[in-house]
Amino acid sequence: MVKAFIPTDDIKSSCLAVIEAIIDDISTKADHMISLDFPPLGSH
């Protein structure tokens, strides 16, 4: 019964790849936002 709900390795790897891509995209955008909104202290 439980095995029916466990995705295959291919599905797992593709889902992980998509999740990692989304996380990378979000973190990259967050880095840009942070660098724009909060310039380094030396630039003041």
N, C-alpha and C. Protein backbone atom coordinates (compact mmCIF):
# COMPACT_ATOMS: atom_id res chain seq x y z
N MET A 1 0.84 -1.20 0.00
CA MET A 1 0.00 0.00 0.00
C MET A 1 0.88 1.26 0.00
N VAL A 2 1.87 1.27 0.86
CA VAL A 2 2.71 2.46 0.97
C VAL A 2 3.50 2.69 -0.31
N LYS A 3 3.97 1.60 -0.92
CA LYS A 3 4.82 1.75 -2.11
C LYS A 3 4.09 2.46 -3.25
N ALA A 4 2.78 2.37 -3.28
CA ALA A 4 2.02 3.00 -4.36
C ALA A 4 2.17 4.52 -4.31
N PHE A 5 2.44 5.06 -3.12
CA PHE A 5 2.53 6.51 -2.97
C PHE A 5 3.95 7.03 -3.10
N ILE A 6 4.93 6.11 -3.14
CA ILE A 6 6.33 6.54 -3.25
C ILE A 6 6.67 6.72 -4.73
N PRO A 7 7.05 7.92 -5.15
CA PRO A 7 7.39 8.14 -6.56
C PRO A 7 8.65 7.40 -6.93
N THR A 8 8.81 7.15 -8.22
CA THR A 8 10.01 6.46 -8.69
C THR A 8 11.21 7.40 -8.57
N ASP A 9 12.40 6.82 -8.71
CA ASP A 9 13.62 7.64 -8.59
C ASP A 9 13.66 8.73 -9.65
N ASP A 10 13.14 8.43 -10.86
CA ASP A 10 13.15 9.44 -11.93
C ASP A 10 12.30 10.63 -11.52
N ILE A 11 11.12 10.35 -10.98
CA ILE A 11 10.24 11.45 -10.57
C ILE A 11 10.89 12.22 -9.42
N LYS A 12 11.48 11.50 -8.49
CA LYS A 12 12.15 12.18 -7.37
C LYS A 12 13.25 13.09 -7.87
N SER A 13 14.09 12.58 -8.75
CA SER A 13 15.23 13.38 -9.22
C SER A 13 14.75 14.59 -10.01
N SER A 14 13.72 14.41 -10.84
CA SER A 14 13.24 15.55 -11.63
C SER A 14 12.58 16.58 -10.71
N CYS A 15 11.85 16.13 -9.71
CA CYS A 15 11.24 17.07 -8.76
C CYS A 15 12.33 17.82 -8.00
N LEU A 16 13.36 17.11 -7.57
CA LEU A 16 14.45 17.76 -6.85
C LEU A 16 15.14 18.78 -7.75
N ALA A 17 15.32 18.44 -9.02
CA ALA A 17 15.98 19.36 -9.94
C ALA A 17 15.15 20.63 -10.09
N VAL A 18 13.82 20.48 -10.21
CA VAL A 18 12.95 21.64 -10.34
C VAL A 18 13.00 22.48 -9.07
N ILE A 19 12.93 21.81 -7.92
CA ILE A 19 12.95 22.53 -6.64
C ILE A 19 14.27 23.29 -6.48
N GLU A 20 15.38 22.62 -6.83
CA GLU A 20 16.68 23.29 -6.71
C GLU A 20 16.76 24.50 -7.64
N ALA A 21 16.21 24.36 -8.85
CA ALA A 21 16.23 25.49 -9.79
C ALA A 21 15.42 26.65 -9.24
N ILE A 22 14.26 26.34 -8.65
CA ILE A 22 13.41 27.40 -8.08
C ILE A 22 14.13 28.08 -6.93
N ILE A 23 14.76 27.27 -6.05
CA ILE A 23 15.47 27.84 -4.90
C ILE A 23 16.63 28.71 -5.38
N ASP A 24 17.36 28.23 -6.40
CA ASP A 24 18.47 29.03 -6.93
C ASP A 24 17.95 30.35 -7.48
N ASP A 25 16.82 30.29 -8.20
CA ASP A 25 16.25 31.50 -8.79
C ASP A 25 15.84 32.48 -7.70
N ILE A 26 15.17 31.96 -6.67
CA ILE A 26 14.71 32.83 -5.58
C ILE A 26 15.90 33.43 -4.84
N SER A 27 16.90 32.61 -4.55
CA SER A 27 18.05 33.11 -3.80
C SER A 27 18.82 34.14 -4.62
N THR A 28 18.90 33.92 -5.94
CA THR A 28 19.58 34.90 -6.80
C THR A 28 18.83 36.22 -6.79
N LYS A 29 17.51 36.15 -6.92
CA LYS A 29 16.70 37.37 -6.89
C LYS A 29 16.83 38.04 -5.52
N ALA A 30 16.83 37.25 -4.46
CA ALA A 30 16.95 37.81 -3.12
C ALA A 30 18.29 38.52 -2.96
N ASP A 31 19.35 37.92 -3.50
CA ASP A 31 20.67 38.55 -3.42
C ASP A 31 20.65 39.90 -4.13
N HIS A 32 20.03 39.96 -5.31
CA HIS A 32 19.96 41.22 -6.04
C HIS A 32 19.14 42.25 -5.26
N MET A 33 18.00 41.81 -4.71
CA MET A 33 17.15 42.72 -3.95
C MET A 33 17.91 43.26 -2.74
N ILE A 34 18.60 42.37 -2.03
CA ILE A 34 19.32 42.78 -0.82
C ILE A 34 20.44 43.75 -1.19
N SER A 35 21.16 43.47 -2.28
CA SER A 35 22.26 44.34 -2.66
C SER A 35 21.74 45.70 -3.11
N LEU A 36 20.52 45.75 -3.67
CA LEU A 36 19.96 47.02 -4.10
C LEU A 36 19.40 47.80 -2.91
N ASP A 37 18.66 47.10 -2.04
CA ASP A 37 17.99 47.78 -0.93
C ASP A 37 18.97 48.13 0.19
N PHE A 38 19.95 47.27 0.43
CA PHE A 38 20.87 47.48 1.53
C PHE A 38 22.30 47.54 1.01
N PRO A 39 22.73 48.70 0.51
CA PRO A 39 24.11 48.79 0.02
C PRO A 39 25.10 48.57 1.16
N PRO A 40 26.30 48.16 0.84
CA PRO A 40 27.31 47.94 1.89
C PRO A 40 27.53 49.21 2.70
N LEU A 41 27.92 49.06 3.95
CA LEU A 41 28.12 50.22 4.82
C LEU A 41 29.20 51.15 4.27
N GLY A 42 30.19 50.60 3.56
CA GLY A 42 31.27 51.42 3.04
C GLY A 42 30.80 52.41 1.98
N SER A 43 29.65 52.16 1.33
CA SER A 43 29.21 53.01 0.24
C SER A 43 28.48 54.25 0.75
N HIS A 44 28.16 54.28 2.03
CA HIS A 44 27.44 55.47 2.54
C HIS A 44 28.42 56.62 2.63
